[in-house]
Structures are given as structure tokens and as C-alpha cells.
Amino acid sequence: MRRLSQTDVARELELSFQQIQKYEIGSNRIAASRLYELSRILDVPTSYFFEGLDTTAEVSDRRDPGLEIVTALAAIRDDTIKTRIVTFIEDVSGVTVARQG
């Protein structure tokens, strides 16, 4: 559509031709930052890559409880309470979260 070859796009993204092919056929996922770069190169809005997708059905059917927990935790302003909740989650899951600071 933009008269760019896969090689041209690969050069712009500083990737190999093979990596572009993997993105195109779907064997490798493309990161959001790379998608943004691609939209800049092709001179299209990032929303272009999502045209035709019905996101309302997908979002309501496949809610990730982990993301809901993160959202709720981020809303808590008291750092002491946040720390206690994280400690509880670590105890239940058996996974230790790396803390900054």
C-alpha cells in the first residue's frame, strides 16, 4: 500500500527481513513500541492496525483478574496497606515481588 518492501521496513526498524516476516505471519508478537514505530514509518495512525476488531466482546468475555488486582492496588494511596497486601499475595502465591527503593 505504501510501496515499501519488507526489506525497506526492516531497514527503518533496524531489524532483519526475517523478523519482519515473522511479524507478518504472526509467529512473533509485535511490541506496542514497535507497532508505534511501524505506524510512523507507514504514516498511519496506530489504530489502523486494529481496524475491524470488535474489542467490546473480547474485553467483557476475557477479563484478566490479575489486571483487576493491579488496578485496585494502584488505587490504594496508603503505602503501608499496599505493602501488606503485596506481602499477603506473596505468601499465598509463593512468589516474591522485587521491590524498588
Protein backbone atom coordinates (compact mmCIF):
# COMPACT_ATOMS: atom_id res chain seq x y z
CA MET A 1 0.00 0.00 0.00
CA ARG A 2 2.85 2.39 0.82
CA ARG A 3 5.14 0.93 -1.83
CA LEU A 4 7.63 -0.22 0.79
CA SER A 5 9.13 -3.68 0.67
CA GLN A 6 9.63 -5.81 3.77
CA THR A 7 13.33 -5.06 3.39
CA ASP A 8 12.61 -1.30 3.43
CA VAL A 9 10.50 -1.63 6.57
CA ALA A 10 13.11 -3.86 8.22
CA ARG A 11 15.81 -1.29 7.50
CA GLU A 12 13.69 1.51 9.01
CA LEU A 13 13.05 -0.55 12.14
CA GLU A 14 16.67 -1.74 12.28
CA LEU A 15 15.52 -5.37 12.11
CA SER A 16 16.22 -8.28 9.83
CA PHE A 17 13.99 -9.09 6.89
CA GLN A 18 13.23 -12.42 8.60
CA GLN A 19 11.93 -10.65 11.73
CA ILE A 20 9.50 -8.62 9.62
CA GLN A 21 8.30 -11.84 8.00
CA LYS A 22 7.73 -13.38 11.44
CA TYR A 23 5.66 -10.33 12.45
CA GLU A 24 3.66 -10.52 9.23
CA ILE A 25 2.79 -14.20 9.51
CA GLY A 26 2.12 -13.94 13.23
CA SER A 27 4.81 -16.30 14.50
CA ASN A 28 6.23 -13.46 16.64
CA ARG A 29 4.23 -10.86 18.52
CA ILE A 30 4.96 -7.23 17.96
CA ALA A 31 5.52 -4.96 20.96
CA ALA A 32 3.45 -1.80 21.33
CA SER A 33 6.54 0.38 20.94
CA ARG A 34 7.42 -1.40 17.69
CA LEU A 35 3.83 -1.02 16.48
CA TYR A 36 4.09 2.70 17.14
CA GLU A 37 7.33 2.89 15.13
CA LEU A 38 5.69 0.95 12.33
CA SER A 39 2.74 3.34 12.25
CA ARG A 40 5.20 6.24 11.97
CA ILE A 41 7.07 4.58 9.10
CA LEU A 42 3.87 3.75 7.23
CA ASP A 43 2.34 7.14 8.05
CA VAL A 44 -0.84 5.66 9.52
CA PRO A 45 -2.38 6.03 12.99
CA THR A 46 -1.72 3.12 15.35
CA SER A 47 -5.47 2.47 15.35
CA TYR A 48 -5.06 1.41 11.70
CA PHE A 49 -3.69 -1.95 12.89
CA PHE A 50 -6.82 -2.61 14.94
CA GLU A 51 -9.49 -1.65 12.42
CA GLY A 52 -12.23 -4.24 12.18
CA LEU A 53 -11.63 -5.77 15.59
CA ASP A 54 -14.62 -5.99 17.87
CA THR A 55 -12.95 -5.25 21.18
CA THR A 56 -16.09 -4.84 23.29
CA ALA A 57 -16.96 -8.55 23.20
CA GLU A 58 -13.38 -9.64 23.86
CA VAL A 59 -12.88 -7.37 26.84
CA SER A 60 -16.04 -8.39 28.64
CA ASP A 61 -15.54 -12.11 27.94
CA ARG A 62 -11.87 -12.39 28.84
CA ARG A 63 -11.19 -10.20 31.87
CA ASP A 64 -7.85 -10.88 33.49
CA PRO A 65 -8.26 -10.97 37.28
CA GLY A 66 -4.55 -10.19 37.64
CA LEU A 67 -5.02 -6.88 35.87
CA GLU A 68 -8.00 -6.08 38.05
CA ILE A 69 -5.85 -6.70 41.14
CA VAL A 70 -3.11 -4.42 39.82
CA THR A 71 -5.64 -1.68 39.06
CA ALA A 72 -7.19 -1.93 42.51
CA LEU A 73 -3.79 -2.00 44.22
CA ALA A 74 -2.64 1.08 42.29
CA ALA A 75 -5.71 2.95 43.54
CA ILE A 76 -4.71 2.48 47.19
CA ARG A 77 -2.91 5.58 48.43
CA ASP A 78 -1.59 4.23 51.73
CA ASP A 79 1.83 2.63 51.07
CA THR A 80 1.70 0.62 54.30
CA ILE A 81 -1.55 -1.02 53.26
CA LYS A 82 -0.17 -1.67 49.76
CA THR A 83 2.89 -3.35 51.25
CA ARG A 84 0.73 -5.55 53.48
CA ILE A 85 -1.41 -6.61 50.52
CA VAL A 86 1.66 -7.40 48.40
CA THR A 87 3.12 -9.43 51.27
CA PHE A 88 -0.16 -11.36 51.54
CA ILE A 89 -0.15 -12.09 47.80
CA GLU A 90 3.48 -13.22 48.01
CA ASP A 91 2.62 -15.56 50.88
CA VAL A 92 -0.34 -17.06 49.03
CA SER A 93 1.41 -17.38 45.68
CA GLY A 94 4.86 -18.35 46.90
CA VAL A 95 6.36 -15.71 44.63
CA THR A 96 8.45 -12.80 45.88
CA VAL A 97 7.96 -9.46 44.14
CA ALA A 98 11.08 -7.34 43.64
CA ARG A 99 10.58 -4.03 45.38
CA GLN A 100 12.06 -0.72 44.30
CA GLY A 101 13.64 1.62 46.75
